[in-house]
């Protein structure tokens, strides 16, 4: 199945890339989550606009990416969440919550570039990956505290 990615998918590609995937993966995962659209000649013309939008959001310079990585890794970020008596959260900490906390700390990061390993459902300290640049990945420490 030939698809055009609309979001970044780890191990597959970036927005605007035309990829060939197995039918089940495309039909059951990528298309329902709106990570991709089917490739047609008409949709192929949208690739250029998707790439322009991606370039506008991207950090072009590798030195800027490394500076942002150091800024992100230098200090831990606090995320406040509602929690019960035993430290379990009511819900989970999402990538949107982390993006807002990073923005409050002075680093504007797109939420699509944040990768959480397992769902964060308890108070404590967690490591989260942030893809700053295709060649640079920052490891950010997130401290989840009770609100």
N, C-alpha and C. Protein backbone atom coordinates (compact mmCIF):
# COMPACT_ATOMS: atom_id res chain seq x y z
N UNK A 1 0.85 -1.16 0.00
CA UNK A 1 0.00 0.00 0.00
C UNK A 1 0.90 1.23 0.00
N UNK A 2 0.60 2.16 -0.86
CA UNK A 2 1.38 3.38 -0.99
C UNK A 2 0.65 4.51 -0.26
N UNK A 3 1.37 5.17 0.68
CA UNK A 3 0.78 6.21 1.50
C UNK A 3 1.66 7.45 1.53
N UNK A 4 1.05 8.57 1.88
CA UNK A 4 1.77 9.82 2.11
C UNK A 4 1.63 10.12 3.60
N UNK A 5 2.75 10.25 4.30
CA UNK A 5 2.71 10.51 5.74
C UNK A 5 2.31 11.96 6.00
N UNK A 6 1.44 12.15 6.99
CA UNK A 6 1.04 13.50 7.39
C UNK A 6 1.63 13.86 8.75
N UNK A 7 2.13 12.87 9.48
CA UNK A 7 2.79 13.08 10.78
C UNK A 7 4.08 12.28 10.77
N UNK A 8 4.96 12.62 11.70
CA UNK A 8 6.19 11.86 11.83
C UNK A 8 5.89 10.52 12.50
N UNK A 9 6.38 9.44 11.89
CA UNK A 9 6.20 8.10 12.43
C UNK A 9 7.59 7.51 12.62
N UNK A 10 7.90 7.13 13.86
CA UNK A 10 9.23 6.59 14.18
C UNK A 10 9.51 5.36 13.35
N UNK A 11 10.68 5.32 12.75
CA UNK A 11 11.10 4.18 11.97
C UNK A 11 10.50 4.12 10.58
N UNK A 12 9.66 5.08 10.21
CA UNK A 12 9.03 5.04 8.89
C UNK A 12 9.33 6.28 8.07
N UNK A 13 9.14 7.47 8.65
CA UNK A 13 9.44 8.67 7.89
C UNK A 13 8.85 9.92 8.50
N UNK A 14 9.00 11.01 7.76
CA UNK A 14 8.56 12.33 8.18
C UNK A 14 7.35 12.77 7.36
N UNK A 15 6.66 13.82 7.80
CA UNK A 15 5.51 14.30 7.02
C UNK A 15 5.91 14.65 5.59
N UNK A 16 5.10 14.22 4.66
CA UNK A 16 5.37 14.49 3.25
C UNK A 16 6.10 13.37 2.55
N UNK A 17 6.59 12.40 3.28
CA UNK A 17 7.28 11.26 2.66
C UNK A 17 6.27 10.29 2.07
N UNK A 18 6.59 9.75 0.92
CA UNK A 18 5.76 8.73 0.30
C UNK A 18 6.39 7.39 0.65
N UNK A 19 5.61 6.53 1.32
CA UNK A 19 6.14 5.26 1.81
C UNK A 19 5.29 4.10 1.29
N UNK A 20 5.91 2.95 1.22
CA UNK A 20 5.22 1.70 0.85
C UNK A 20 5.18 0.84 2.10
N UNK A 21 3.98 0.51 2.58
CA UNK A 21 3.82 -0.30 3.79
C UNK A 21 2.88 -1.47 3.50
N UNK A 22 2.88 -2.43 4.42
CA UNK A 22 1.96 -3.56 4.27
C UNK A 22 0.52 -3.06 4.45
N UNK A 23 -0.41 -3.74 3.79
CA UNK A 23 -1.81 -3.31 3.78
C UNK A 23 -2.40 -3.20 5.19
N UNK A 24 -2.16 -4.18 6.04
CA UNK A 24 -2.74 -4.18 7.37
C UNK A 24 -2.23 -3.03 8.23
N UNK A 25 -0.93 -2.75 8.15
CA UNK A 25 -0.34 -1.66 8.92
C UNK A 25 -0.94 -0.32 8.49
N UNK A 26 -1.08 -0.14 7.19
CA UNK A 26 -1.65 1.10 6.70
C UNK A 26 -3.11 1.25 7.03
N UNK A 27 -3.88 0.18 6.78
CA UNK A 27 -5.32 0.22 6.97
C UNK A 27 -5.73 0.25 8.45
N UNK A 28 -5.01 -0.46 9.30
CA UNK A 28 -5.41 -0.59 10.70
C UNK A 28 -4.72 0.36 11.66
N UNK A 29 -3.59 0.95 11.27
CA UNK A 29 -2.85 1.82 12.19
C UNK A 29 -2.69 3.23 11.63
N UNK A 30 -2.08 3.37 10.47
CA UNK A 30 -1.73 4.70 9.97
C UNK A 30 -2.96 5.51 9.53
N UNK A 31 -3.84 4.93 8.76
CA UNK A 31 -4.99 5.67 8.25
C UNK A 31 -6.00 6.05 9.34
N UNK A 32 -6.39 5.15 10.25
CA UNK A 32 -7.36 5.56 11.29
C UNK A 32 -6.85 6.64 12.22
N UNK A 33 -5.55 6.67 12.47
CA UNK A 33 -4.97 7.68 13.37
C UNK A 33 -4.60 8.96 12.64
N UNK A 34 -4.89 9.01 11.35
CA UNK A 34 -4.62 10.19 10.50
C UNK A 34 -3.12 10.50 10.42
N UNK A 35 -2.27 9.46 10.54
CA UNK A 35 -0.84 9.63 10.37
C UNK A 35 -0.47 9.64 8.90
N UNK A 36 -1.38 9.18 8.04
CA UNK A 36 -1.10 9.10 6.62
C UNK A 36 -2.39 9.22 5.83
N UNK A 37 -2.23 9.54 4.54
CA UNK A 37 -3.35 9.52 3.60
C UNK A 37 -2.95 8.63 2.43
N UNK A 38 -3.95 8.09 1.75
CA UNK A 38 -3.67 7.23 0.59
C UNK A 38 -3.01 8.04 -0.51
N UNK A 39 -2.09 7.40 -1.22
CA UNK A 39 -1.41 8.07 -2.32
C UNK A 39 -2.27 7.98 -3.57
N UNK A 40 -2.52 9.12 -4.17
CA UNK A 40 -3.13 9.21 -5.49
C UNK A 40 -2.38 10.31 -6.22
N UNK A 41 -2.65 10.44 -7.50
CA UNK A 41 -1.96 11.50 -8.24
C UNK A 41 -2.33 12.88 -7.68
N UNK A 42 -3.60 13.04 -7.31
CA UNK A 42 -4.05 14.31 -6.74
C UNK A 42 -3.43 14.56 -5.37
N UNK A 43 -3.38 13.52 -4.55
CA UNK A 43 -2.79 13.68 -3.22
C UNK A 43 -1.28 13.87 -3.32
N UNK A 44 -0.68 13.35 -4.37
CA UNK A 44 0.75 13.53 -4.57
C UNK A 44 1.13 14.99 -4.71
N UNK A 45 0.17 15.81 -5.18
CA UNK A 45 0.43 17.24 -5.32
C UNK A 45 0.47 17.93 -3.95
N UNK A 46 -0.16 17.33 -2.93
CA UNK A 46 -0.16 17.90 -1.59
C UNK A 46 1.18 17.72 -0.88
N UNK A 47 1.99 16.82 -1.39
CA UNK A 47 3.27 16.51 -0.75
C UNK A 47 4.11 17.77 -0.58
N UNK A 48 4.12 18.62 -1.59
CA UNK A 48 4.93 19.83 -1.54
C UNK A 48 4.47 20.76 -0.42
N UNK A 49 3.16 20.92 -0.24
CA UNK A 49 2.67 21.80 0.83
C UNK A 49 2.95 21.20 2.21
N UNK A 50 2.88 19.88 2.33
CA UNK A 50 3.19 19.22 3.60
C UNK A 50 4.66 19.43 3.94
N UNK A 51 5.53 19.31 2.94
CA UNK A 51 6.97 19.50 3.18
C UNK A 51 7.29 20.94 3.53
N UNK A 52 6.59 21.90 2.93
CA UNK A 52 6.82 23.31 3.26
C UNK A 52 6.44 23.59 4.71
N UNK A 53 5.32 23.02 5.16
CA UNK A 53 4.89 23.20 6.55
C UNK A 53 5.89 22.56 7.50
N UNK A 54 6.43 21.38 7.12
CA UNK A 54 7.42 20.70 7.96
C UNK A 54 8.69 21.53 8.05
N UNK A 55 9.13 22.11 6.94
CA UNK A 55 10.34 22.93 6.95
C UNK A 55 10.17 24.18 7.79
N UNK A 56 8.98 24.74 7.82
CA UNK A 56 8.74 25.94 8.62
C UNK A 56 8.88 25.64 10.10
N UNK A 57 8.49 24.42 10.53
CA UNK A 57 8.58 24.05 11.94
C UNK A 57 9.94 23.50 12.33
N UNK A 58 10.73 23.09 11.37
CA UNK A 58 11.97 22.37 11.66
C UNK A 58 13.09 23.30 12.10
N UNK A 59 14.00 22.74 12.86
CA UNK A 59 15.23 23.44 13.23
C UNK A 59 16.26 23.03 12.18
N UNK A 60 16.74 23.98 11.40
CA UNK A 60 17.58 23.66 10.26
C UNK A 60 19.05 23.47 10.63
N UNK A 61 19.51 24.22 11.57
CA UNK A 61 20.93 24.22 11.88
C UNK A 61 21.24 23.18 12.96
N UNK A 62 22.24 22.36 12.71
CA UNK A 62 22.62 21.32 13.66
C UNK A 62 23.14 21.92 14.97
N UNK A 63 23.83 23.06 14.89
CA UNK A 63 24.33 23.72 16.10
C UNK A 63 23.17 24.21 16.98
N UNK A 64 22.11 24.75 16.36
CA UNK A 64 20.93 25.17 17.12
C UNK A 64 20.27 23.97 17.79
N UNK A 65 20.22 22.85 17.10
CA UNK A 65 19.63 21.64 17.65
C UNK A 65 20.43 21.14 18.85
N UNK A 66 21.74 21.19 18.76
CA UNK A 66 22.58 20.75 19.88
C UNK A 66 22.44 21.69 21.07
N UNK A 67 22.30 23.00 20.81
CA UNK A 67 22.10 23.95 21.89
C UNK A 67 20.76 23.71 22.59
N UNK A 68 19.71 23.42 21.80
CA UNK A 68 18.41 23.12 22.39
C UNK A 68 18.46 21.82 23.17
N UNK A 69 19.23 20.84 22.69
CA UNK A 69 19.39 19.57 23.41
C UNK A 69 20.01 19.82 24.78
N UNK A 70 21.07 20.62 24.83
CA UNK A 70 21.72 20.92 26.11
C UNK A 70 20.76 21.65 27.05
N UNK A 71 19.97 22.56 26.51
CA UNK A 71 19.00 23.30 27.32
C UNK A 71 17.95 22.35 27.91
N UNK A 72 17.48 21.40 27.09
CA UNK A 72 16.47 20.45 27.55
C UNK A 72 17.02 19.49 28.60
N UNK A 73 18.25 19.04 28.40
CA UNK A 73 18.83 18.05 29.30
C UNK A 73 19.42 18.65 30.58
N UNK A 74 19.61 19.97 30.61
CA UNK A 74 20.29 20.59 31.74
C UNK A 74 19.49 20.52 33.04
N UNK A 75 18.18 20.67 32.97
CA UNK A 75 17.40 20.62 34.20
C UNK A 75 16.09 19.87 33.97
N UNK A 76 15.59 19.28 35.04
CA UNK A 76 14.36 18.50 34.98
C UNK A 76 13.15 19.43 34.87
N UNK A 77 12.09 18.92 34.28
CA UNK A 77 10.88 19.70 34.08
C UNK A 77 9.78 19.12 34.97
N UNK A 78 9.06 20.01 35.67
CA UNK A 78 7.96 19.56 36.53
C UNK A 78 6.66 19.56 35.75
N UNK A 79 5.91 18.47 35.90
CA UNK A 79 4.58 18.36 35.33
C UNK A 79 3.63 18.09 36.48
N UNK A 80 2.63 18.96 36.64
CA UNK A 80 1.66 18.78 37.71
C UNK A 80 0.47 17.99 37.19
N UNK A 81 0.04 17.01 37.99
CA UNK A 81 -1.11 16.19 37.61
C UNK A 81 -1.89 15.82 38.87
N UNK A 82 -3.17 15.61 38.71
CA UNK A 82 -4.00 15.18 39.84
C UNK A 82 -3.70 13.73 40.16
N UNK A 83 -3.50 13.46 41.45
CA UNK A 83 -3.14 12.11 41.88
C UNK A 83 -3.91 11.73 43.14
N UNK A 84 -4.04 10.42 43.34
CA UNK A 84 -4.69 9.89 44.54
C UNK A 84 -3.71 9.80 45.70
N UNK A 85 -4.16 9.21 46.79
CA UNK A 85 -3.34 9.11 47.99
C UNK A 85 -2.10 8.24 47.80
N UNK A 86 -2.20 7.21 46.99
CA UNK A 86 -1.10 6.27 46.81
C UNK A 86 -0.16 6.66 45.67
N UNK A 87 -0.33 7.85 45.09
CA UNK A 87 0.57 8.31 44.05
C UNK A 87 0.15 7.95 42.64
N UNK A 88 -1.00 7.31 42.47
CA UNK A 88 -1.50 6.99 41.14
C UNK A 88 -2.25 8.19 40.58
N UNK A 89 -2.05 8.45 39.30
CA UNK A 89 -2.69 9.60 38.67
C UNK A 89 -4.11 9.29 38.26
N UNK A 90 -4.93 10.32 38.23
CA UNK A 90 -6.26 10.22 37.64
C UNK A 90 -6.09 10.46 36.15
N UNK A 91 -5.91 9.43 35.38
CA UNK A 91 -5.61 9.55 33.97
C UNK A 91 -4.13 9.30 33.74
N UNK A 92 -3.53 10.03 32.82
CA UNK A 92 -2.12 9.86 32.51
C UNK A 92 -1.54 11.19 32.06
N UNK A 93 -0.23 11.29 32.11
CA UNK A 93 0.47 12.46 31.59
C UNK A 93 0.64 12.25 30.09
N UNK A 94 0.19 13.19 29.29
CA UNK A 94 0.25 13.07 27.84
C UNK A 94 1.39 13.90 27.26
N UNK A 95 1.66 13.70 25.97
CA UNK A 95 2.71 14.48 25.32
C UNK A 95 2.33 15.95 25.27
N UNK A 96 1.04 16.26 25.23
CA UNK A 96 0.60 17.66 25.28
C UNK A 96 0.96 18.31 26.61
N UNK A 97 0.77 17.57 27.70
CA UNK A 97 1.13 18.08 29.03
C UNK A 97 2.63 18.36 29.10
N UNK A 98 3.42 17.44 28.55
CA UNK A 98 4.88 17.59 28.57
C UNK A 98 5.29 18.77 27.70
N UNK A 99 4.65 18.94 26.54
CA UNK A 99 4.98 20.06 25.66
C UNK A 99 4.69 21.40 26.34
N UNK A 100 3.58 21.49 27.07
CA UNK A 100 3.24 22.72 27.79
C UNK A 100 4.27 22.99 28.89
N UNK A 101 4.69 21.93 29.59
CA UNK A 101 5.69 22.10 30.64
C UNK A 101 7.03 22.54 30.07
N UNK A 102 7.41 21.98 28.93
CA UNK A 102 8.67 22.38 28.28
C UNK A 102 8.59 23.82 27.81
N UNK A 103 7.43 24.23 27.31
CA UNK A 103 7.26 25.61 26.87
C UNK A 103 7.38 26.56 28.05
N UNK A 104 6.85 26.14 29.20
CA UNK A 104 6.98 26.95 30.42
C UNK A 104 8.41 27.05 30.89
N UNK A 105 9.22 26.03 30.56
CA UNK A 105 10.63 26.04 30.94
C UNK A 105 11.48 26.79 29.93
N UNK A 106 10.86 27.30 28.85
CA UNK A 106 11.60 28.10 27.88
C UNK A 106 12.05 27.37 26.64
N UNK A 107 11.53 26.18 26.40
CA UNK A 107 11.90 25.42 25.20
C UNK A 107 10.63 25.08 24.43
N UNK A 108 10.45 25.69 23.27
CA UNK A 108 9.26 25.44 22.46
C UNK A 108 9.49 24.19 21.61
N UNK A 109 8.80 23.10 21.95
CA UNK A 109 8.96 21.83 21.27
C UNK A 109 7.60 21.36 20.78
N UNK A 110 7.55 20.89 19.54
CA UNK A 110 6.32 20.36 18.98
C UNK A 110 5.99 19.04 19.66
N UNK A 111 4.73 18.86 20.03
CA UNK A 111 4.34 17.66 20.79
C UNK A 111 4.53 16.38 19.97
N UNK A 112 4.56 16.47 18.65
CA UNK A 112 4.76 15.28 17.82
C UNK A 112 6.19 14.77 17.87
N UNK A 113 7.08 15.56 18.42
CA UNK A 113 8.48 15.14 18.51
C UNK A 113 8.82 14.52 19.87
N UNK A 114 7.84 14.44 20.75
CA UNK A 114 8.05 13.86 22.09
C UNK A 114 7.64 12.40 22.07
N UNK A 115 8.51 11.54 22.58
CA UNK A 115 8.22 10.11 22.63
C UNK A 115 8.24 9.63 24.08
N UNK A 116 7.10 9.09 24.52
CA UNK A 116 6.99 8.51 25.86
C UNK A 116 7.08 7.01 25.68
N UNK A 117 7.95 6.35 26.43
CA UNK A 117 8.07 4.89 26.33
C UNK A 117 6.79 4.20 26.76
N UNK A 118 6.53 4.13 28.04
CA UNK A 118 5.30 3.58 28.59
C UNK A 118 4.46 4.73 29.12
N UNK A 119 3.17 4.50 29.27
CA UNK A 119 2.27 5.55 29.76
C UNK A 119 2.69 5.96 31.18
N UNK A 120 2.66 7.25 31.43
CA UNK A 120 3.02 7.79 32.74
C UNK A 120 1.73 7.90 33.55
N UNK A 121 1.58 6.99 34.53
CA UNK A 121 0.35 6.94 35.32
C UNK A 121 0.59 7.02 36.82
N UNK A 122 1.80 7.42 37.23
CA UNK A 122 2.10 7.52 38.66
C UNK A 122 3.05 8.70 38.88
N UNK A 123 3.09 9.17 40.10
CA UNK A 123 4.03 10.23 40.46
C UNK A 123 5.45 9.70 40.40
N UNK A 124 6.40 10.57 40.10
CA UNK A 124 7.79 10.14 40.08
C UNK A 124 8.57 10.82 38.97
N UNK A 125 9.74 10.28 38.71
CA UNK A 125 10.65 10.83 37.71
C UNK A 125 10.71 9.88 36.51
N UNK A 126 10.62 10.44 35.31
CA UNK A 126 10.61 9.65 34.08
C UNK A 126 11.53 10.28 33.05
N UNK A 127 12.12 9.44 32.19
CA UNK A 127 12.92 9.93 31.08
C UNK A 127 12.09 9.86 29.80
N UNK A 128 12.12 10.96 29.04
CA UNK A 128 11.35 11.08 27.82
C UNK A 128 12.29 11.49 26.69
N UNK A 129 12.10 10.94 25.52
CA UNK A 129 12.92 11.28 24.35
C UNK A 129 12.26 12.42 23.58
N UNK A 130 13.05 13.40 23.16
CA UNK A 130 12.57 14.49 22.31
C UNK A 130 13.47 14.54 21.08
N UNK A 131 12.87 14.33 19.89
CA UNK A 131 13.61 14.39 18.64
C UNK A 131 13.70 15.86 18.22
N UNK A 132 14.82 16.47 18.53
CA UNK A 132 15.03 17.89 18.25
C UNK A 132 15.33 18.09 16.77
N UNK A 133 16.06 17.18 16.19
CA UNK A 133 16.56 17.25 14.81
C UNK A 133 16.68 15.80 14.36
N UNK A 134 16.65 15.52 13.05
CA UNK A 134 16.80 14.12 12.63
C UNK A 134 18.07 13.43 13.16
N UNK A 135 19.10 14.21 13.46
CA UNK A 135 20.34 13.64 13.96
C UNK A 135 20.53 13.82 15.46
N UNK A 136 19.66 14.59 16.12
CA UNK A 136 19.83 14.93 17.54
C UNK A 136 18.57 14.54 18.32
N UNK A 137 18.77 13.73 19.36
CA UNK A 137 17.68 13.35 20.25
C UNK A 137 18.07 13.71 21.68
N UNK A 138 17.19 14.42 22.37
CA UNK A 138 17.45 14.82 23.75
C UNK A 138 16.71 13.90 24.71
N UNK A 139 17.34 13.60 25.83
CA UNK A 139 16.73 12.80 26.88
C UNK A 139 16.36 13.75 28.02
N UNK A 140 15.06 13.99 28.19
CA UNK A 140 14.57 14.95 29.15
C UNK A 140 14.01 14.22 30.37
N UNK A 141 14.34 14.72 31.55
CA UNK A 141 13.82 14.15 32.80
C UNK A 141 12.56 14.91 33.18
N UNK A 142 11.47 14.15 33.35
CA UNK A 142 10.18 14.72 33.71
C UNK A 142 9.86 14.30 35.15
N UNK A 143 9.61 15.27 36.01
CA UNK A 143 9.20 14.98 37.39
C UNK A 143 7.69 15.23 37.48
N UNK A 144 6.93 14.17 37.71
CA UNK A 144 5.49 14.28 37.85
C UNK A 144 5.18 14.47 39.32
N UNK A 145 4.55 15.60 39.64
CA UNK A 145 4.22 15.95 41.02
C UNK A 145 2.71 16.13 41.15
N UNK A 146 2.21 15.97 42.36
CA UNK A 146 0.78 16.12 42.60
C UNK A 146 0.38 17.59 42.51
N UNK A 147 -0.77 17.83 41.90
CA UNK A 147 -1.26 19.20 41.74
C UNK A 147 -1.94 19.67 43.00
